[in-house]
Amino acid sequence: MKKVRVACLAAGIGLGVLLLLSGCKPGIIDVVNSPDIRIKVGAAAVDQNGQYDIGAVSSFPHDVTCTIENAGLADLTLSGTPRVALSGSAAFTVSQQPVSPIAPGSSTTFTVRFSPSDMAAHGATV
């Protein structure tokens, strides 16, 4: 018996595979390949709805490079304009957008730039 993992990410991107059961013959399951998105900052994986603390920063602007990996079996398409958007503190901007689509087994990067106008704590959501 083959086990299939199915989960959803906040943006509606499927993780794992999608099962289509309508019209199947008894005992047969049709499996449709889907993308599998994974986010990293440096070598550190960021969990779904996870956080990444850039720590104390002494020089500005400070760039953080994030990697989007597609560990799935279908192209991962980043839709929308911009492809990566931020909400929260205006001290954060996306200075480099990722490419799309991302082929299976491939990755792309985007850069978040931190350029505060004061020394207060700042936060943003990708």
Protein backbone atom coordinates (compact mmCIF):
# COMPACT_ATOMS: atom_id res chain seq x y z
CA MET A 1 0.00 0.00 0.00
CA LYS A 2 1.45 3.36 -1.02
CA LYS A 3 1.17 6.19 1.51
CA VAL A 4 0.49 9.68 0.18
CA ARG A 5 1.12 12.88 2.13
CA VAL A 6 -1.19 15.84 1.52
CA ALA A 7 -0.98 19.26 3.21
CA CYS A 8 -1.69 22.88 2.29
CA LEU A 9 0.32 26.03 2.73
CA ALA A 10 -1.15 29.41 3.48
CA ALA A 11 -1.02 30.63 -0.12
CA GLY A 12 -2.95 27.59 -1.36
CA ILE A 13 0.11 25.82 -2.70
CA GLY A 14 -0.15 22.05 -2.37
CA LEU A 15 2.53 20.10 -0.57
CA GLY A 16 2.92 16.47 -1.58
CA VAL A 17 0.44 15.07 -4.09
CA LEU A 18 -3.21 15.56 -4.95
CA LEU A 19 -5.44 12.51 -5.23
CA LEU A 20 -8.15 12.42 -7.90
CA LEU A 21 -10.63 9.69 -7.00
CA SER A 22 -13.59 10.41 -9.30
CA GLY A 23 -13.77 8.06 -12.27
CA CYS A 24 -11.17 5.65 -10.90
CA LYS A 25 -11.49 1.93 -11.29
CA PRO A 26 -11.87 0.01 -8.03
CA GLY A 27 -8.46 -0.47 -6.43
CA ILE A 28 -6.72 2.11 -8.61
CA ILE A 29 -5.84 5.63 -7.47
CA ASP A 30 -4.76 8.24 -10.00
CA VAL A 31 -1.99 10.44 -8.61
CA VAL A 32 -1.42 13.93 -10.00
CA ASN A 33 2.03 15.42 -9.44
CA SER A 34 2.24 18.74 -7.64
CA PRO A 35 4.92 21.18 -6.52
CA ASP A 36 6.39 20.97 -3.02
CA ILE A 37 7.57 24.35 -1.72
CA ARG A 38 10.35 24.72 0.85
CA ILE A 39 11.81 27.99 2.12
CA LYS A 40 15.34 28.47 3.47
CA VAL A 41 17.33 31.41 4.79
CA GLY A 42 20.95 30.43 4.33
CA ALA A 43 21.05 26.74 5.30
CA ALA A 44 18.20 27.12 7.83
CA ALA A 45 14.80 25.76 6.79
CA VAL A 46 11.86 27.99 7.70
CA ASP A 47 8.74 26.05 8.65
CA GLN A 48 5.29 26.94 7.36
CA ASN A 49 4.18 30.02 9.32
CA GLY A 50 7.66 29.99 10.86
CA GLN A 51 9.85 32.90 11.80
CA TYR A 52 13.41 33.87 11.07
CA ASP A 53 15.23 36.37 13.28
CA ILE A 54 17.97 38.26 11.43
CA GLY A 55 19.48 39.17 14.81
CA ALA A 56 21.41 42.33 15.67
CA VAL A 57 22.45 44.28 12.59
CA SER A 58 25.25 46.84 12.72
CA SER A 59 25.46 48.08 9.12
CA PHE A 60 22.70 49.12 6.74
CA PRO A 61 21.28 48.21 4.39
CA HIS A 62 21.36 44.57 5.46
CA ASP A 63 20.37 41.95 2.85
CA VAL A 64 18.94 38.52 3.66
CA THR A 65 18.85 36.00 0.81
CA CYS A 66 15.99 33.51 0.94
CA THR A 67 15.72 30.37 -1.19
CA ILE A 68 12.52 28.84 -2.53
CA GLU A 69 13.01 25.16 -3.37
CA ASN A 70 10.62 23.01 -5.37
CA ALA A 71 10.99 19.47 -4.02
CA GLY A 72 7.86 18.34 -5.90
CA LEU A 73 7.29 16.71 -9.25
CA ALA A 74 5.61 19.60 -11.10
CA ASP A 75 6.55 23.21 -11.85
CA LEU A 76 6.00 25.65 -8.99
CA THR A 77 4.53 28.90 -10.33
CA LEU A 78 4.78 32.04 -8.24
CA SER A 79 1.90 34.23 -9.33
CA GLY A 80 1.03 37.80 -8.54
CA THR A 81 2.82 41.07 -8.90
CA PRO A 82 5.16 41.22 -7.14
CA ARG A 83 5.89 37.50 -6.80
CA VAL A 84 7.05 38.00 -3.20
CA ALA A 85 5.36 40.72 -1.16
CA LEU A 86 5.96 41.96 2.37
CA SER A 87 3.65 43.40 4.98
CA GLY A 88 4.65 45.09 8.22
CA SER A 89 7.50 47.50 8.74
CA ALA A 90 8.50 49.67 5.77
CA ALA A 91 12.12 49.07 6.85
CA PHE A 92 11.93 45.80 4.87
CA THR A 93 11.71 45.62 1.07
CA VAL A 94 12.22 42.89 -1.50
CA SER A 95 15.24 44.09 -3.47
CA GLN A 96 15.42 41.03 -5.76
CA GLN A 97 12.36 39.05 -6.85
CA PRO A 98 12.52 35.28 -7.55
CA VAL A 99 12.11 33.75 -11.00
CA SER A 100 9.06 31.70 -11.88
CA PRO A 101 8.20 28.97 -12.67
CA ILE A 102 10.54 26.83 -10.57
CA ALA A 103 11.16 23.41 -12.15
CA PRO A 104 10.99 20.25 -10.02
CA GLY A 105 14.24 19.81 -8.07
CA SER A 106 15.24 23.43 -8.71
CA SER A 107 15.33 26.58 -6.65
CA THR A 108 15.32 30.35 -6.92
CA THR A 109 16.24 33.13 -4.53
CA PHE A 110 14.83 36.45 -3.44
CA THR A 111 16.47 39.12 -1.32
CA VAL A 112 14.88 40.98 1.59
CA ARG A 113 16.62 44.27 2.35
CA PHE A 114 16.48 45.76 5.87
CA SER A 115 17.03 49.55 5.84
CA PRO A 116 15.56 51.08 9.00
CA SER A 117 15.31 54.82 9.62
CA ASP A 118 15.59 54.29 13.39
CA MET A 119 17.05 51.80 15.86
CA ALA A 120 13.70 50.37 17.01
CA ALA A 121 12.75 46.70 16.57
CA HIS A 122 11.11 45.98 13.20
CA GLY A 123 9.24 43.02 11.76
CA ALA A 124 7.70 42.00 8.47
CA THR A 125 5.79 39.08 7.00
CA VAL A 126 6.61 37.53 3.63
